[in-house]
């Protein structure tokens, strides 16, 4: 495998309704409440013992010499991480005990929730394994793991979503996890909910406050508010068109957002809007936004990477290769332009995405293709500070 393929990540994202159809939320949940060492107590509904359950879900995980020494802000932690597939996983309780993040447990759904400001990471245990969401956004590969009664989450999630970075020492197999230098801004979630015979509407949208820069703050919030108002208008029209059809099940609409990058004067996020108005399944539409916090302007791919004359060639080449290796690919991808807006930034890469049914079947979810900044940015370019 060459270095280019090592740097690129290809994945697809499924929405929550698809997972429900797969039975994630159904069936007997076998794992019970986390107690002092993150130990799991078995529910007796199936007659399985704790050891049997853990053995069944952990048998594929070889953890012999794959332990990683963890540190938090330079201080050695009592808990250890784990190396698997050349990636580091950290215990869920490390986030609580060493990083001081809020960790709660809901026994009815067997769900653990980590809260970091505007981000909520939910990890749910069920009979077949573990599933995870961030602000309602399904997190696929790499996924959380259950190993010997402990839940581990990829360090990449801390880096991409929770505002942390790591210093890796390969000789010592040691990872020091430290807080990233985030932008001086505040992000709040504005929520709206309706629940009646016609529809269940749950909207969660971001609102930004930037101390000392009201002009940029207003510019960003105008864009976010427009996105929300357009969705609300769409919902109102859909409900108007179903008037007199009281025999129909309630429609469902919801929106959620994930902040993927909040550093170095840039703010990047995406918003998912879901609707179910009958039929076999609902639909999710994703929109990406990347702002320059200096003036609140939206950034194009050209503005970010245009100093490299080959950036579009790199992007289109890797996306084309990704689609052609996808078993459900419909065909027809001829490249994107520099004005393409379906992307978001992360700590070490840009992720471009495509809508459901655009090039792949519904079951494939939302195809995403991640390309490292090292492939797209040159030194002395305008946004070279994105480079590691």
Protein backbone atom coordinates (compact mmCIF):
# COMPACT_ATOMS: atom_id res chain seq x y z
CA UNK A 1 0.00 0.00 0.00
CA UNK A 2 1.51 3.33 -1.00
CA UNK A 3 1.67 6.41 1.21
CA UNK A 4 -1.17 8.15 -0.61
CA UNK A 5 -3.58 5.37 0.26
CA UNK A 6 -2.40 5.36 3.84
CA UNK A 7 -3.29 9.03 4.18
CA UNK A 8 -6.72 8.80 2.62
CA UNK A 9 -9.75 7.65 4.58
CA UNK A 10 -12.87 6.49 2.78
CA UNK A 11 -16.05 5.86 4.71
CA UNK A 12 -19.81 6.07 4.53
CA UNK A 13 -22.21 7.50 7.07
CA UNK A 14 -25.57 5.96 7.92
CA UNK A 15 -28.40 7.87 9.55
CA UNK A 16 -30.16 6.76 12.70
CA UNK A 17 -33.20 5.37 10.89
CA UNK A 18 -31.07 2.99 8.89
CA UNK A 19 -29.51 1.69 12.08
CA UNK A 20 -32.92 1.15 13.61
CA UNK A 21 -33.82 -0.96 10.61
CA UNK A 22 -30.69 -2.97 11.26
CA UNK A 23 -31.96 -3.74 14.74
CA UNK A 24 -29.56 -1.64 16.75
CA UNK A 25 -32.25 -0.28 19.00
CA UNK A 26 -34.25 -3.50 19.04
CA UNK A 27 -33.91 -6.70 20.98
CA UNK A 28 -32.71 -7.53 24.45
CA UNK A 29 -29.95 -5.28 25.76
CA UNK A 30 -27.61 -7.36 27.81
CA UNK A 31 -25.20 -4.96 29.46
CA UNK A 32 -25.87 -2.97 32.58
CA UNK A 33 -24.54 -0.05 34.50
CA UNK A 34 -20.94 1.11 34.62
CA UNK A 35 -19.55 1.08 38.13
CA UNK A 36 -16.23 2.00 39.68
CA UNK A 37 -13.70 0.47 37.26
CA UNK A 38 -15.92 0.59 34.21
CA UNK A 39 -16.94 -2.99 35.05
CA UNK A 40 -20.09 -4.26 33.34
CA UNK A 41 -22.80 -6.14 35.20
CA UNK A 42 -24.80 -8.64 33.18
CA UNK A 43 -28.53 -8.41 32.76
CA UNK A 44 -30.02 -11.85 33.15
CA UNK A 45 -32.66 -11.66 30.45
CA UNK A 46 -30.82 -14.03 28.12
CA UNK A 47 -29.34 -16.28 30.75
CA UNK A 48 -25.81 -15.39 29.71
CA UNK A 49 -23.21 -14.62 32.32
CA UNK A 50 -21.08 -11.50 32.19
CA UNK A 51 -18.04 -13.53 31.16
CA UNK A 52 -19.96 -15.21 28.33
CA UNK A 53 -21.22 -11.90 26.98
CA UNK A 54 -17.86 -10.20 27.13
CA UNK A 55 -16.10 -13.20 25.63
CA UNK A 56 -18.58 -13.29 22.74
CA UNK A 57 -18.12 -9.61 21.92
CA UNK A 58 -14.39 -9.42 22.61
CA UNK A 59 -13.13 -12.71 21.16
CA UNK A 60 -11.77 -11.07 18.00
CA UNK A 61 -9.70 -8.56 19.96
CA UNK A 62 -6.16 -9.64 20.73
CA UNK A 63 -4.89 -7.35 23.47
CA UNK A 64 -1.69 -9.06 24.54
CA UNK A 65 1.17 -6.70 23.72
CA UNK A 66 -0.97 -3.93 22.27
CA UNK A 67 -1.22 -1.76 25.38
CA UNK A 68 -0.44 1.96 25.17
CA UNK A 69 0.69 4.09 28.07
CA UNK A 70 -1.57 7.13 28.32
CA UNK A 71 -0.80 10.56 29.70
CA UNK A 72 -3.09 13.54 30.13
CA UNK A 73 -1.41 16.93 29.78
CA UNK A 74 1.97 15.34 30.62
CA UNK A 75 0.73 13.42 33.65
CA UNK A 76 0.80 9.62 33.51
CA UNK A 77 -2.66 8.08 33.71
CA UNK A 78 -3.61 4.97 35.65
CA UNK A 79 -5.57 3.61 32.69
CA UNK A 80 -3.97 2.27 29.53
CA UNK A 81 -4.95 2.57 25.91
CA UNK A 82 -4.87 -0.04 23.19
CA UNK A 83 -3.33 -0.32 19.72
CA UNK A 84 -5.46 -1.95 17.06
CA UNK A 85 -5.20 -1.65 13.27
CA UNK A 86 -2.36 0.88 13.78
CA UNK A 87 -4.71 3.20 15.65
CA UNK A 88 -4.98 4.05 19.33
CA UNK A 89 -8.12 3.51 21.38
CA UNK A 90 -8.59 4.98 24.86
CA UNK A 91 -10.95 3.83 27.63
CA UNK A 92 -14.19 5.78 27.79
CA UNK A 93 -13.57 6.37 31.49
CA UNK A 94 -10.22 8.02 30.67
CA UNK A 95 -12.24 10.93 29.30
CA UNK A 96 -14.01 11.22 32.64
CA UNK A 97 -11.17 10.48 35.05
CA UNK A 98 -8.23 12.16 33.30
CA UNK A 99 -9.76 14.79 30.99
CA UNK A 100 -12.56 15.71 33.42
CA UNK A 101 -15.34 15.42 30.84
CA UNK A 102 -18.88 14.72 31.99
CA UNK A 103 -19.84 11.04 31.70
CA UNK A 104 -23.38 9.88 32.43
CA UNK A 105 -25.17 6.56 32.03
CA UNK A 106 -28.79 5.82 31.09
CA UNK A 107 -29.74 2.34 32.24
CA UNK A 108 -32.92 2.04 30.14
CA UNK A 109 -31.04 2.37 26.85
CA UNK A 110 -27.60 1.25 28.12
CA UNK A 111 -26.14 4.49 26.79
CA UNK A 112 -23.08 6.37 28.03
CA UNK A 113 -22.90 10.08 27.22
CA UNK A 114 -19.72 12.15 27.15
CA UNK A 115 -20.36 15.91 27.08
CA UNK A 116 -17.80 18.46 25.91
CA UNK A 117 -19.40 21.88 25.52
CA UNK A 118 -21.59 21.69 22.38
CA UNK A 119 -20.57 18.11 21.51
CA UNK A 120 -22.37 15.05 22.92
CA UNK A 121 -20.87 11.62 22.29
CA UNK A 122 -23.29 8.76 22.96
CA UNK A 123 -22.07 5.15 23.13
CA UNK A 124 -24.77 2.49 23.35
CA UNK A 125 -24.25 -1.17 24.23
CA UNK A 126 -26.55 -3.75 22.73
CA UNK A 127 -26.53 -7.50 22.26
CA UNK A 128 -24.62 -7.37 18.99
CA UNK A 129 -21.95 -4.88 20.02
CA UNK A 130 -21.48 -1.12 20.39
CA UNK A 131 -22.85 1.82 18.40
CA UNK A 132 -21.92 5.49 18.70
CA UNK A 133 -23.36 8.90 17.77
CA UNK A 134 -22.04 12.43 18.00
CA UNK A 135 -24.86 15.00 18.24
CA UNK A 136 -27.08 12.46 16.50
CA UNK A 137 -24.51 11.82 13.76
CA UNK A 138 -23.63 8.13 13.42
CA UNK A 139 -19.93 7.41 13.87
CA UNK A 140 -18.94 4.41 11.82
CA UNK A 141 -15.41 3.22 11.13
CA UNK A 142 -13.31 3.34 13.25
CA UNK A 143 -15.85 2.46 15.91
CA UNK A 144 -15.93 2.11 19.68
CA UNK A 145 -14.93 -1.31 20.99
CA UNK A 146 -15.82 -3.47 23.96
CA UNK A 147 -12.75 -5.32 25.23
CA UNK A 148 -12.68 -7.36 28.44
CA UNK A 149 -15.53 -5.39 29.95
CA UNK A 150 -14.19 -1.97 29.03
CA UNK A 151 -15.39 0.44 26.37
CA UNK A 152 -12.66 1.98 24.21
CA UNK A 153 -13.13 4.86 21.78
CA UNK A 154 -10.77 5.88 18.96
CA UNK A 155 -8.34 8.63 19.89
CA UNK A 156 -9.20 10.08 16.46
CA UNK A 157 -12.62 11.08 17.85
CA UNK A 158 -10.96 13.16 20.56
CA UNK A 159 -8.85 14.81 17.88
CA UNK A 160 -11.63 15.38 15.34
CA UNK A 161 -14.53 16.30 17.58
CA UNK A 162 -13.66 16.89 21.24
CA UNK A 163 -10.81 19.39 20.95
CA UNK A 164 -7.73 17.34 21.86
CA UNK A 165 -4.45 16.43 20.21
CA UNK A 166 -1.80 13.85 20.97
CA UNK A 167 1.97 13.56 21.22
CA UNK A 168 3.02 10.04 20.26
CA UNK A 169 6.23 8.33 21.38
CA UNK A 170 6.62 5.20 19.28
CA UNK A 171 9.56 3.79 21.26
CA UNK A 172 7.71 3.96 24.55
CA UNK A 173 4.28 3.26 23.01
CA UNK A 174 3.09 6.32 24.86
CA UNK A 175 0.41 8.86 23.94
CA UNK A 176 0.15 12.19 25.72
CA UNK A 177 -3.31 13.69 25.18
CA UNK A 178 -3.50 17.46 25.56
CA UNK A 179 -6.16 20.10 25.03
CA UNK A 180 -6.02 21.80 21.63
CA UNK A 181 -5.83 25.59 21.35
CA UNK A 182 -9.40 26.35 20.28
CA UNK A 183 -10.74 29.60 18.88
CA UNK A 184 -12.03 32.20 21.32
CA UNK A 185 -15.73 31.78 20.61
CA UNK A 186 -18.83 30.29 22.14
CA UNK A 187 -21.17 27.88 20.39
CA UNK A 188 -24.65 27.27 21.71
CA UNK A 189 -27.38 24.94 20.54
CA UNK A 190 -30.75 26.51 19.78
CA UNK A 191 -33.45 23.86 19.99
CA UNK A 192 -37.00 23.71 18.69
CA UNK A 193 -39.42 20.82 19.18
CA UNK A 194 -43.00 20.11 18.11
CA UNK A 195 -44.89 16.89 18.69
CA UNK A 196 -48.45 16.51 17.42
CA UNK A 197 -50.65 14.25 15.32
CA UNK A 198 -49.13 15.53 12.09
CA UNK A 199 -45.42 15.58 12.84
CA UNK A 200 -42.58 15.22 15.30
CA UNK A 201 -40.11 18.03 14.70
CA UNK A 202 -36.79 18.25 16.56
CA UNK A 203 -34.38 20.93 15.38
CA UNK A 204 -30.98 21.57 16.95
CA UNK A 205 -29.01 24.36 15.30
CA UNK A 206 -25.78 26.16 16.25
CA UNK A 207 -25.43 29.80 17.21
CA UNK A 208 -22.04 31.49 17.49
CA UNK A 209 -20.77 34.28 19.77
CA UNK A 210 -17.36 35.82 19.00
CA UNK A 211 -16.08 38.24 21.66
CA UNK A 212 -14.86 41.47 20.13
CA UNK A 213 -16.00 40.66 16.59
CA UNK A 214 -19.74 41.20 16.26
CA UNK A 215 -19.48 41.67 12.48
CA UNK A 216 -18.12 38.15 11.92
CA UNK A 217 -20.53 36.76 14.51
CA UNK A 218 -23.53 38.26 12.71
CA UNK A 219 -22.30 37.08 9.31
CA UNK A 220 -21.92 33.48 10.49
CA UNK A 221 -25.25 33.41 12.34
CA UNK A 222 -27.05 34.80 9.29
CA UNK A 223 -25.89 31.79 7.29
CA UNK A 224 -26.84 29.31 10.02
CA UNK A 225 -30.21 30.95 10.65
CA UNK A 226 -30.98 30.93 6.93
CA UNK A 227 -30.27 27.21 6.80
CA UNK A 228 -32.68 26.64 9.67
CA UNK A 229 -35.43 28.94 8.37
CA UNK A 230 -35.33 27.30 4.94
CA UNK A 231 -35.78 23.89 6.57
CA UNK A 232 -38.68 25.18 8.67
CA UNK A 233 -40.34 26.58 5.54
CA UNK A 234 -39.88 23.22 3.84
CA UNK A 235 -41.46 21.46 6.84
CA UNK A 236 -44.43 23.85 6.83
CA UNK A 237 -45.04 23.21 3.13
CA UNK A 238 -44.83 19.44 3.60
CA UNK A 239 -47.39 19.58 6.42
CA UNK A 240 -49.66 21.82 4.39
CA UNK A 241 -49.64 19.30 1.55
CA UNK A 242 -50.74 16.48 3.84
CA UNK A 243 -53.78 18.31 5.22
CA UNK A 244 -56.87 16.12 5.28
CA UNK A 245 -54.84 12.90 5.34
CA UNK A 246 -55.31 12.12 9.01
CA UNK A 247 -54.88 8.40 8.41
CA UNK A 248 -51.17 8.89 7.76
CA UNK A 249 -48.57 8.28 10.46
CA UNK A 250 -46.93 11.46 11.78
CA UNK A 251 -44.13 12.84 9.65
CA UNK A 252 -40.73 13.23 11.25
CA UNK A 253 -38.19 16.02 10.75
CA UNK A 254 -35.00 16.66 12.64
CA UNK A 255 -31.74 18.52 12.28
CA UNK A 256 -28.43 18.19 14.09
CA UNK A 257 -24.92 19.55 13.68
CA UNK A 258 -21.33 18.56 14.35
CA UNK A 259 -18.45 20.99 14.78
CA UNK A 260 -15.51 19.30 13.09
CA UNK A 261 -12.85 22.02 13.37
CA UNK A 262 -12.55 25.05 15.64
CA UNK A 263 -8.93 26.17 15.54
CA UNK A 264 -6.51 28.62 13.91
CA UNK A 265 -9.14 31.19 13.01
CA UNK A 266 -11.37 28.73 11.16
CA UNK A 267 -14.68 27.18 12.13
CA UNK A 268 -15.96 24.17 10.19
CA UNK A 269 -19.15 22.21 10.76
CA UNK A 270 -21.83 20.25 8.99
CA UNK A 271 -25.60 20.12 9.45
CA UNK A 272 -27.71 17.01 8.85
CA UNK A 273 -31.41 17.45 8.03
CA UNK A 274 -33.58 14.34 8.17
CA UNK A 275 -37.15 13.81 7.04
CA UNK A 276 -39.54 10.90 7.00
CA UNK A 277 -42.83 11.47 5.17
CA UNK A 278 -43.82 7.87 4.55
CA UNK A 279 -42.44 5.08 2.44
CA UNK A 280 -39.71 2.57 3.10
CA UNK A 281 -37.26 4.97 4.73
CA UNK A 282 -36.44 8.57 5.49
CA UNK A 283 -33.82 10.77 3.87
CA UNK A 284 -30.90 12.76 5.22
CA UNK A 285 -29.35 15.78 3.49
CA UNK A 286 -25.99 17.10 4.69
CA UNK A 287 -24.60 20.61 4.27
CA UNK A 288 -21.07 21.74 5.10
CA UNK A 289 -19.90 25.20 6.20
CA UNK A 290 -16.36 26.48 6.76
CA UNK A 291 -15.98 30.05 8.02
CA UNK A 292 -13.08 32.46 8.31
CA UNK A 293 -13.57 33.91 11.79
CA UNK A 294 -11.84 37.17 10.89
CA UNK A 295 -14.75 38.35 8.77
CA UNK A 296 -17.31 35.51 8.97
CA UNK A 297 -16.98 34.67 5.28
CA UNK A 298 -17.62 31.20 3.86
CA UNK A 299 -14.51 29.62 2.41
CA UNK A 300 -14.35 27.74 -0.88
CA UNK A 301 -11.96 24.91 -1.68
CA UNK A 302 -10.12 27.30 -3.98
CA UNK A 303 -9.57 29.81 -1.19
CA UNK A 304 -8.27 27.08 1.10
CA UNK A 305 -6.09 25.11 -1.28
CA UNK A 306 -5.80 27.21 -4.45
CA UNK A 307 -2.13 28.07 -3.90
CA UNK A 308 -1.46 24.52 -5.03
CA UNK A 309 -2.26 24.41 -8.74
CA UNK A 310 -2.79 20.63 -8.55
CA UNK A 311 -5.26 20.58 -5.65
CA UNK A 312 -8.35 19.81 -7.76
CA UNK A 313 -6.47 17.09 -9.63
CA UNK A 314 -5.59 15.47 -6.30
CA UNK A 315 -9.12 15.77 -4.91
CA UNK A 316 -10.89 14.49 -8.02
CA UNK A 317 -8.39 11.69 -8.52
CA UNK A 318 -8.86 10.32 -5.03
CA UNK A 319 -12.64 10.67 -5.05
CA UNK A 320 -12.85 8.95 -8.44
CA UNK A 321 -10.67 6.12 -7.17
CA UNK A 322 -12.83 5.82 -4.06
CA UNK A 323 -16.06 5.64 -6.00
CA UNK A 324 -14.70 3.12 -8.48
CA UNK A 325 -13.72 0.82 -5.62
CA UNK A 326 -17.21 1.10 -4.08
CA UNK A 327 -19.28 -2.03 -4.83
CA UNK A 328 -22.52 -0.05 -5.18
CA UNK A 329 -21.17 2.78 -7.32
CA UNK A 330 -23.72 3.90 -9.96
CA UNK A 331 -21.08 5.52 -12.16
CA UNK A 332 -21.19 9.04 -13.54
CA UNK A 333 -18.67 10.88 -11.35
CA UNK A 334 -16.86 13.36 -13.58
CA UNK A 335 -15.25 15.51 -10.92
CA UNK A 336 -16.18 18.46 -8.72
CA UNK A 337 -15.41 22.14 -9.19
CA UNK A 338 -13.57 24.61 -6.97
CA UNK A 339 -16.93 26.00 -5.82
CA UNK A 340 -17.95 22.63 -4.33
CA UNK A 341 -19.36 23.26 -0.82
CA UNK A 342 -20.09 19.75 0.48
CA UNK A 343 -17.01 19.47 2.66
CA UNK A 344 -15.79 20.11 6.18
CA UNK A 345 -12.39 20.42 7.83
CA UNK A 346 -10.93 18.20 10.53
CA UNK A 347 -7.72 18.29 12.52
CA UNK A 348 -5.47 16.85 9.81
CA UNK A 349 -7.66 16.49 6.72
CA UNK A 350 -10.53 17.80 4.64
CA UNK A 351 -13.55 15.52 4.24
CA UNK A 352 -15.72 15.80 1.12
CA UNK A 353 -19.12 14.14 1.01
CA UNK A 354 -21.91 13.32 -1.41
CA UNK A 355 -25.63 12.98 -0.88
CA UNK A 356 -27.60 9.74 -0.59
CA UNK A 357 -28.42 8.31 -4.04
CA UNK A 358 -26.08 10.77 -5.78
CA UNK A 359 -23.57 8.11 -6.79
CA UNK A 360 -24.34 5.15 -4.52
CA UNK A 361 -27.45 3.31 -3.22
CA UNK A 362 -29.34 4.29 -0.09
CA UNK A 363 -27.78 1.47 1.93
CA UNK A 364 -24.36 3.05 1.38
CA UNK A 365 -25.38 6.13 3.36
CA UNK A 366 -23.50 9.37 2.73
CA UNK A 367 -20.15 8.62 1.03
CA UNK A 368 -17.24 10.58 2.50
CA UNK A 369 -13.68 10.92 1.24
CA UNK A 370 -10.95 12.36 3.46
CA UNK A 371 -7.70 13.79 2.08
CA UNK A 372 -4.79 14.95 4.25
CA UNK A 373 -3.69 18.57 4.20
CA UNK A 374 -0.19 17.39 3.32
CA UNK A 375 -1.49 16.36 -0.10
CA UNK A 376 -3.25 19.66 -0.74
CA UNK A 377 -1.26 22.45 0.89
CA UNK A 378 2.15 23.86 0.09
CA UNK A 379 4.38 25.70 2.50
CA UNK A 380 3.94 29.47 2.40
CA UNK A 381 0.35 29.06 1.18
CA UNK A 382 -2.37 31.16 2.75
CA UNK A 383 -3.65 28.39 5.02
CA UNK A 384 -0.40 26.55 5.65
CA UNK A 385 -1.17 26.68 9.38
CA UNK A 386 -3.54 23.76 8.78
CA UNK A 387 -0.48 21.57 8.25
CA UNK A 388 0.62 19.47 11.26
